[in-house]
Amino acid sequence: MPPPASPYGALPLREGEPAPSAAGEELLLVPPLNFAMVDRGVYRSGFPDVSNLPFLESLRLRSVLCLCPEPYPEVNLEFLHAHGIRLFQFGVDGSKEPFVNIPEDKICEALKVILDVRNHPVLIHCKRGKHRTGCVVGCLRKLQRWCLTSIFDEYQRFAAAKTRVSDLRFIELFDISSIKHLPPSFMG
């Protein structure tokens, strides 16, 4: 039996099988800006727009973790609701240096959502998928016992010329002891 129709396009039935569109053509799946897999069941990106929704549907997400303080767009909320995807929103201000205030408590709460495998697959995003998302992923990497050089390399791959020293400092000084346990699935 075919999957139910979706306003965002049909889903592939098997990995590697193209999804047909209403006209019988392949559906174009467009990932959000700066999309990447972080770990099994954990993805990162910039803010998804309407053109990215079929791609997100293909991930079969259970949760979206948004790090932006602005109200979530109605079309995105409708998509989440239609697919039973839970929204976690931690409003971290996207200020630029030198006035960056990264709230450690919100980063800890975001990490707890990510570490809870019941929320997987989960997409972590901010506006561009660089700084706020990079800080959260960098702190996750510390929990995974990555060396700082590798953490900073990953951060810089996404931030490129917009690397913020304050973000790197935040990641370096982040106290992983505030997170009580790391599930075995994240241990490597």
C-alpha atoms as a PDB file:
ATOM      1  CA  MET A   1       0.000   0.000   0.000  1.00  0.00           C
ATOM      2  CA  PRO A   2       1.499   3.396  -0.925  1.00  0.00           C
ATOM      3  CA  PRO A   3       2.236   5.953   1.791  1.00  0.00           C
ATOM      4  CA  PRO A   4      -0.393   8.634   2.370  1.00  0.00           C
ATOM      5  CA  ALA A   5      -0.194  11.698   0.162  1.00  0.00           C
ATOM      6  CA  SER A   6       1.638  14.667   1.572  1.00  0.00           C
ATOM      7  CA  PRO A   7       1.287  18.340   0.706  1.00  0.00           C
ATOM      8  CA  TYR A   8       5.111  18.474   0.700  1.00  0.00           C
ATOM      9  CA  GLY A   9       5.591  15.680  -1.828  1.00  0.00           C
ATOM     10  CA  ALA A  10       5.809  11.905  -1.713  1.00  0.00           C
ATOM     11  CA  LEU A  11       8.460  10.067   0.259  1.00  0.00           C
ATOM     12  CA  PRO A  12      10.789   7.421  -1.115  1.00  0.00           C
ATOM     13  CA  LEU A  13       9.650   3.947  -0.117  1.00  0.00           C
ATOM     14  CA  ARG A  14      13.212   2.612   0.145  1.00  0.00           C
ATOM     15  CA  GLU A  15      16.581   4.237   0.523  1.00  0.00           C
ATOM     16  CA  GLY A  16      17.935   5.242  -2.855  1.00  0.00           C
ATOM     17  CA  GLU A  17      14.549   4.970  -4.581  1.00  0.00           C
ATOM     18  CA  PRO A  18      13.490   8.270  -6.140  1.00  0.00           C
ATOM     19  CA  ALA A  19      10.277   9.809  -4.886  1.00  0.00           C
ATOM     20  CA  PRO A  20       7.814  10.470  -7.694  1.00  0.00           C
ATOM     21  CA  SER A  21       6.077  13.830  -7.829  1.00  0.00           C
ATOM     22  CA  ALA A  22       2.467  14.274  -8.860  1.00  0.00           C
ATOM     23  CA  ALA A  23       3.597  14.592 -12.497  1.00  0.00           C
ATOM     24  CA  GLY A  24       5.573  11.328 -12.309  1.00  0.00           C
ATOM     25  CA  GLU A  25       8.919  13.145 -12.126  1.00  0.00           C
ATOM     26  CA  GLU A  26      11.479  12.739  -9.385  1.00  0.00           C
ATOM     27  CA  LEU A  27      10.892  14.988  -6.390  1.00  0.00           C
ATOM     28  CA  LEU A  28      13.780  17.364  -5.827  1.00  0.00           C
ATOM     29  CA  LEU A  29      14.934  17.109  -2.208  1.00  0.00           C
ATOM     30  CA  VAL A  30      16.692  20.295  -1.138  1.00  0.00           C
ATOM     31  CA  PRO A  31      18.470  20.230   2.233  1.00  0.00           C
ATOM     32  CA  PRO A  32      18.557  23.384   4.350  1.00  0.00           C
ATOM     33  CA  LEU A  33      21.640  25.600   4.340  1.00  0.00           C
ATOM     34  CA  ASN A  34      24.611  24.039   6.159  1.00  0.00           C
ATOM     35  CA  PHE A  35      22.851  20.675   6.539  1.00  0.00           C
ATOM     36  CA  ALA A  36      24.950  17.799   7.906  1.00  0.00           C
ATOM     37  CA  MET A  37      24.658  14.669   9.988  1.00  0.00           C
ATOM     38  CA  VAL A  38      26.170  15.158  13.449  1.00  0.00           C
ATOM     39  CA  ASP A  39      25.670  11.646  14.776  1.00  0.00           C
ATOM     40  CA  ARG A  40      23.276   8.759  14.360  1.00  0.00           C
ATOM     41  CA  GLY A  41      19.825  10.372  14.545  1.00  0.00           C
ATOM     42  CA  VAL A  42      21.175  13.925  14.982  1.00  0.00           C
ATOM     43  CA  TYR A  43      21.308  16.514  12.179  1.00  0.00           C
ATOM     44  CA  ARG A  44      22.233  20.190  11.988  1.00  0.00           C
ATOM     45  CA  SER A  45      21.337  22.979   9.585  1.00  0.00           C
ATOM     46  CA  GLY A  46      20.332  26.556   9.019  1.00  0.00           C
ATOM     47  CA  PHE A  47      16.673  27.599   9.294  1.00  0.00           C
ATOM     48  CA  PRO A  48      14.589  25.403   6.972  1.00  0.00           C
ATOM     49  CA  ASP A  49      12.293  27.139   4.498  1.00  0.00           C
ATOM     50  CA  VAL A  50       9.380  25.753   2.484  1.00  0.00           C
ATOM     51  CA  SER A  51      11.661  24.369  -0.239  1.00  0.00           C
ATOM     52  CA  ASN A  52      13.401  22.191   2.394  1.00  0.00           C
ATOM     53  CA  LEU A  53      10.285  20.567   3.847  1.00  0.00           C
ATOM     54  CA  PRO A  54      10.204  17.541   1.478  1.00  0.00           C
ATOM     55  CA  PHE A  55      13.836  16.856   2.384  1.00  0.00           C
ATOM     56  CA  LEU A  56      13.056  17.122   6.112  1.00  0.00           C
ATOM     57  CA  GLU A  57      10.089  14.814   5.613  1.00  0.00           C
ATOM     58  CA  SER A  58      12.466  12.212   4.162  1.00  0.00           C
ATOM     59  CA  LEU A  59      14.443  12.256   7.441  1.00  0.00           C
ATOM     60  CA  ARG A  60      11.346  11.153   9.376  1.00  0.00           C
ATOM     61  CA  LEU A  61      12.215  13.528  12.212  1.00  0.00           C
ATOM     62  CA  ARG A  62      10.711  13.181  15.662  1.00  0.00           C
ATOM     63  CA  SER A  63      12.014  16.532  16.908  1.00  0.00           C
ATOM     64  CA  VAL A  64      13.306  19.895  15.802  1.00  0.00           C
ATOM     65  CA  LEU A  65      15.477  21.937  18.146  1.00  0.00           C
ATOM     66  CA  CYS A  66      15.427  25.604  17.182  1.00  0.00           C
ATOM     67  CA  LEU A  67      17.944  27.975  18.752  1.00  0.00           C
ATOM     68  CA  CYS A  68      16.326  31.194  17.467  1.00  0.00           C
ATOM     69  CA  PRO A  69      14.207  33.393  19.762  1.00  0.00           C
ATOM     70  CA  GLU A  70      11.787  34.571  17.043  1.00  0.00           C
ATOM     71  CA  PRO A  71       8.356  32.938  16.733  1.00  0.00           C
ATOM     72  CA  TYR A  72       8.494  29.825  14.553  1.00  0.00           C
ATOM     73  CA  PRO A  73       6.977  30.433  11.090  1.00  0.00           C
ATOM     74  CA  GLU A  74       3.401  29.202  10.706  1.00  0.00           C
ATOM     75  CA  VAL A  75       4.159  27.074   7.617  1.00  0.00           C
ATOM     76  CA  ASN A  76       6.941  25.290   9.535  1.00  0.00           C
ATOM     77  CA  LEU A  77       4.632  24.763  12.527  1.00  0.00           C
ATOM     78  CA  GLU A  78       1.981  23.284  10.231  1.00  0.00           C
ATOM     79  CA  PHE A  79       4.591  20.935   8.743  1.00  0.00           C
ATOM     80  CA  LEU A  80       5.741  19.825  12.208  1.00  0.00           C
ATOM     81  CA  HIS A  81       2.176  19.282  13.378  1.00  0.00           C
ATOM     82  CA  ALA A  82       1.212  17.344  10.225  1.00  0.00           C
ATOM     83  CA  HIS A  83       4.155  14.970  10.758  1.00  0.00           C
ATOM     84  CA  GLY A  84       3.972  14.617  14.540  1.00  0.00           C
ATOM     85  CA  ILE A  85       7.320  16.371  15.007  1.00  0.00           C
ATOM     86  CA  ARG A  86       7.938  17.978  18.379  1.00  0.00           C
ATOM     87  CA  LEU A  87       9.424  21.493  18.475  1.00  0.00           C
ATOM     88  CA  PHE A  88      11.916  22.424  21.175  1.00  0.00           C
ATOM     89  CA  GLN A  89      12.760  26.102  21.047  1.00  0.00           C
ATOM     90  CA  PHE A  90      15.612  27.612  23.022  1.00  0.00           C
ATOM     91  CA  GLY A  91      15.773  31.302  22.184  1.00  0.00           C
ATOM     92  CA  VAL A  92      19.479  32.071  22.080  1.00  0.00           C
ATOM     93  CA  ASP A  93      20.185  35.612  20.901  1.00  0.00           C
ATOM     94  CA  GLY A  94      22.221  35.724  17.708  1.00  0.00           C
ATOM     95  CA  SER A  95      24.140  38.880  18.654  1.00  0.00           C
ATOM     96  CA  LYS A  96      27.458  39.525  17.058  1.00  0.00           C
ATOM     97  CA  GLU A  97      30.746  40.051  18.881  1.00  0.00           C
ATOM     98  CA  PRO A  98      31.813  41.616  21.135  1.00  0.00           C
ATOM     99  CA  PHE A  99      28.423  41.525  22.862  1.00  0.00           C
ATOM    100  CA  VAL A 100      27.707  37.815  22.544  1.00  0.00           C
ATOM    101  CA  ASN A 101      26.001  36.297  25.558  1.00  0.00           C
ATOM    102  CA  ILE A 102      25.678  32.536  25.174  1.00  0.00           C
ATOM    103  CA  PRO A 103      23.374  31.290  27.940  1.00  0.00           C
ATOM    104  CA  GLU A 104      24.972  28.135  29.335  1.00  0.00           C
ATOM    105  CA  ASP A 105      21.679  26.999  30.908  1.00  0.00           C
ATOM    106  CA  LYS A 106      19.919  26.985  27.521  1.00  0.00           C
ATOM    107  CA  ILE A 107      22.810  25.113  25.914  1.00  0.00           C
ATOM    108  CA  CYS A 108      22.583  22.488  28.699  1.00  0.00           C
ATOM    109  CA  GLU A 109      18.825  22.124  28.187  1.00  0.00           C
ATOM    110  CA  ALA A 110      19.319  21.805  24.424  1.00  0.00           C
ATOM    111  CA  LEU A 111      21.957  19.108  24.971  1.00  0.00           C
ATOM    112  CA  LYS A 112      19.565  17.159  27.207  1.00  0.00           C
ATOM    113  CA  VAL A 113      17.023  17.138  24.358  1.00  0.00           C
ATOM    114  CA  ILE A 114      19.696  15.942  21.911  1.00  0.00           C
ATOM    115  CA  LEU A 115      20.981  13.244  24.262  1.00  0.00           C
ATOM    116  CA  ASP A 116      17.490  11.808  24.799  1.00  0.00           C
ATOM    117  CA  VAL A 117      17.239   9.205  22.019  1.00  0.00           C
ATOM    118  CA  ARG A 118      13.437   9.301  22.323  1.00  0.00           C
ATOM    119  CA  ASN A 119      13.713  12.647  20.468  1.00  0.00           C
ATOM    120  CA  HIS A 120      15.641  11.103  17.560  1.00  0.00           C
ATOM    121  CA  PRO A 121      15.905  11.734  14.734  1.00  0.00           C
ATOM    122  CA  VAL A 122      16.364  15.395  15.714  1.00  0.00           C
ATOM    123  CA  LEU A 123      17.340  18.451  13.675  1.00  0.00           C
ATOM    124  CA  ILE A 124      19.255  21.240  15.446  1.00  0.00           C
ATOM    125  CA  HIS A 125      19.107  24.595  13.724  1.00  0.00           C
ATOM    126  CA  CYS A 126      19.516  28.327  14.094  1.00  0.00           C
ATOM    127  CA  LYS A 127      19.321  30.966  11.373  1.00  0.00           C
ATOM    128  CA  ARG A 128      22.381  29.992   9.305  1.00  0.00           C
ATOM    129  CA  GLY A 129      23.513  26.809  11.103  1.00  0.00           C
ATOM    130  CA  LYS A 130      26.820  28.391  12.049  1.00  0.00           C
ATOM    131  CA  HIS A 131      27.225  29.997  15.470  1.00  0.00           C
ATOM    132  CA  ARG A 132      24.453  28.934  17.837  1.00  0.00           C
ATOM    133  CA  THR A 133      24.211  25.497  16.238  1.00  0.00           C
ATOM    134  CA  GLY A 134      28.016  25.314  16.192  1.00  0.00           C
ATOM    135  CA  CYS A 135      28.172  26.014  19.926  1.00  0.00           C
ATOM    136  CA  VAL A 136      25.644  23.298  20.739  1.00  0.00           C
ATOM    137  CA  VAL A 137      27.367  20.771  18.485  1.00  0.00           C
ATOM    138  CA  GLY A 138      30.771  21.798  19.880  1.00  0.00           C
ATOM    139  CA  CYS A 139      29.536  21.169  23.435  1.00  0.00           C
ATOM    140  CA  LEU A 140      28.114  17.803  22.335  1.00  0.00           C
ATOM    141  CA  ARG A 141      31.534  16.955  20.905  1.00  0.00           C
ATOM    142  CA  LYS A 142      33.125  17.782  24.271  1.00  0.00           C
ATOM    143  CA  LEU A 143      30.711  15.331  25.878  1.00  0.00           C
ATOM    144  CA  GLN A 144      31.830  12.790  23.268  1.00  0.00           C
ATOM    145  CA  ARG A 145      35.438  13.456  24.362  1.00  0.00           C
ATOM    146  CA  TRP A 146      36.565  14.940  21.046  1.00  0.00           C
ATOM    147  CA  CYS A 147      39.797  16.935  21.287  1.00  0.00           C
ATOM    148  CA  LEU A 148      39.400  20.724  21.056  1.00  0.00           C
ATOM    149  CA  THR A 149      41.301  20.875  17.766  1.00  0.00           C
ATOM    150  CA  SER A 150      38.752  18.593  16.089  1.00  0.00           C
ATOM    151  CA  ILE A 151      35.841  20.445  17.685  1.00  0.00           C
ATOM    152  CA  PHE A 152      37.181  23.788  16.473  1.00  0.00           C
ATOM    153  CA  ASP A 153      37.851  22.374  12.985  1.00  0.00           C
ATOM    154  CA  GLU A 154      34.233  21.242  12.724  1.00  0.00           C
ATOM    155  CA  TYR A 155      32.948  24.595  14.010  1.00  0.00           C
ATOM    156  CA  GLN A 156      35.108  26.478  11.493  1.00  0.00           C
ATOM    157  CA  ARG A 157      33.953  24.280   8.583  1.00  0.00           C
ATOM    158  CA  PHE A 158      30.430  25.653   9.093  1.00  0.00           C
ATOM    159  CA  ALA A 159      31.265  29.186  10.281  1.00  0.00           C
ATOM    160  CA  ALA A 160      33.984  29.716   7.648  1.00  0.00           C
ATOM    161  CA  ALA A 161      35.070  33.378   7.553  1.00  0.00           C
ATOM    162  CA  LYS A 162      32.480  34.186  10.248  1.00  0.00           C
ATOM    163  CA  THR A 163      34.238  32.233  13.014  1.00  0.00           C
ATOM    164  CA  ARG A 164      33.644  33.871  16.377  1.00  0.00           C
ATOM    165  CA  VAL A 165      36.382  33.719  18.994  1.00  0.00           C
ATOM    166  CA  SER A 166      33.692  34.091  21.682  1.00  0.00           C
ATOM    167  CA  ASP A 167      31.988  30.898  20.434  1.00  0.00           C
ATOM    168  CA  LEU A 168      35.264  28.970  20.510  1.00  0.00           C
ATOM    169  CA  ARG A 169      35.972  30.286  24.004  1.00  0.00           C
ATOM    170  CA  PHE A 170      32.479  29.272  25.140  1.00  0.00           C
ATOM    171  CA  ILE A 171      32.970  25.731  23.814  1.00  0.00           C
ATOM    172  CA  GLU A 172      36.431  25.474  25.395  1.00  0.00           C
ATOM    173  CA  LEU A 173      35.180  26.607  28.816  1.00  0.00           C
ATOM    174  CA  PHE A 174      31.876  24.695  28.729  1.00  0.00           C
ATOM    175  CA  ASP A 175      31.620  22.501  31.833  1.00  0.00           C
ATOM    176  CA  ILE A 176      30.520  19.051  30.688  1.00  0.00           C
ATOM    177  CA  SER A 177      30.045  17.938  34.304  1.00  0.00           C
ATOM    178  CA  SER A 178      26.740  19.853  34.240  1.00  0.00           C
ATOM    179  CA  ILE A 179      25.400  17.079  31.976  1.00  0.00           C
ATOM    180  CA  LYS A 180      24.930  14.017  34.148  1.00  0.00           C
ATOM    181  CA  HIS A 181      25.240  11.162  31.673  1.00  0.00           C
ATOM    182  CA  LEU A 182      26.004  10.437  28.069  1.00  0.00           C
ATOM    183  CA  PRO A 183      23.906   7.655  26.520  1.00  0.00           C
ATOM    184  CA  PRO A 184      25.920   4.708  25.167  1.00  0.00           C
ATOM    185  CA  SER A 185      24.768   5.553  21.624  1.00  0.00           C
ATOM    186  CA  PHE A 186      26.862   8.749  21.794  1.00  0.00           C
ATOM    187  CA  MET A 187      30.007   7.127  23.125  1.00  0.00           C
ATOM    188  CA  GLY A 188      31.301   6.201  19.691  1.00  0.00           C
END
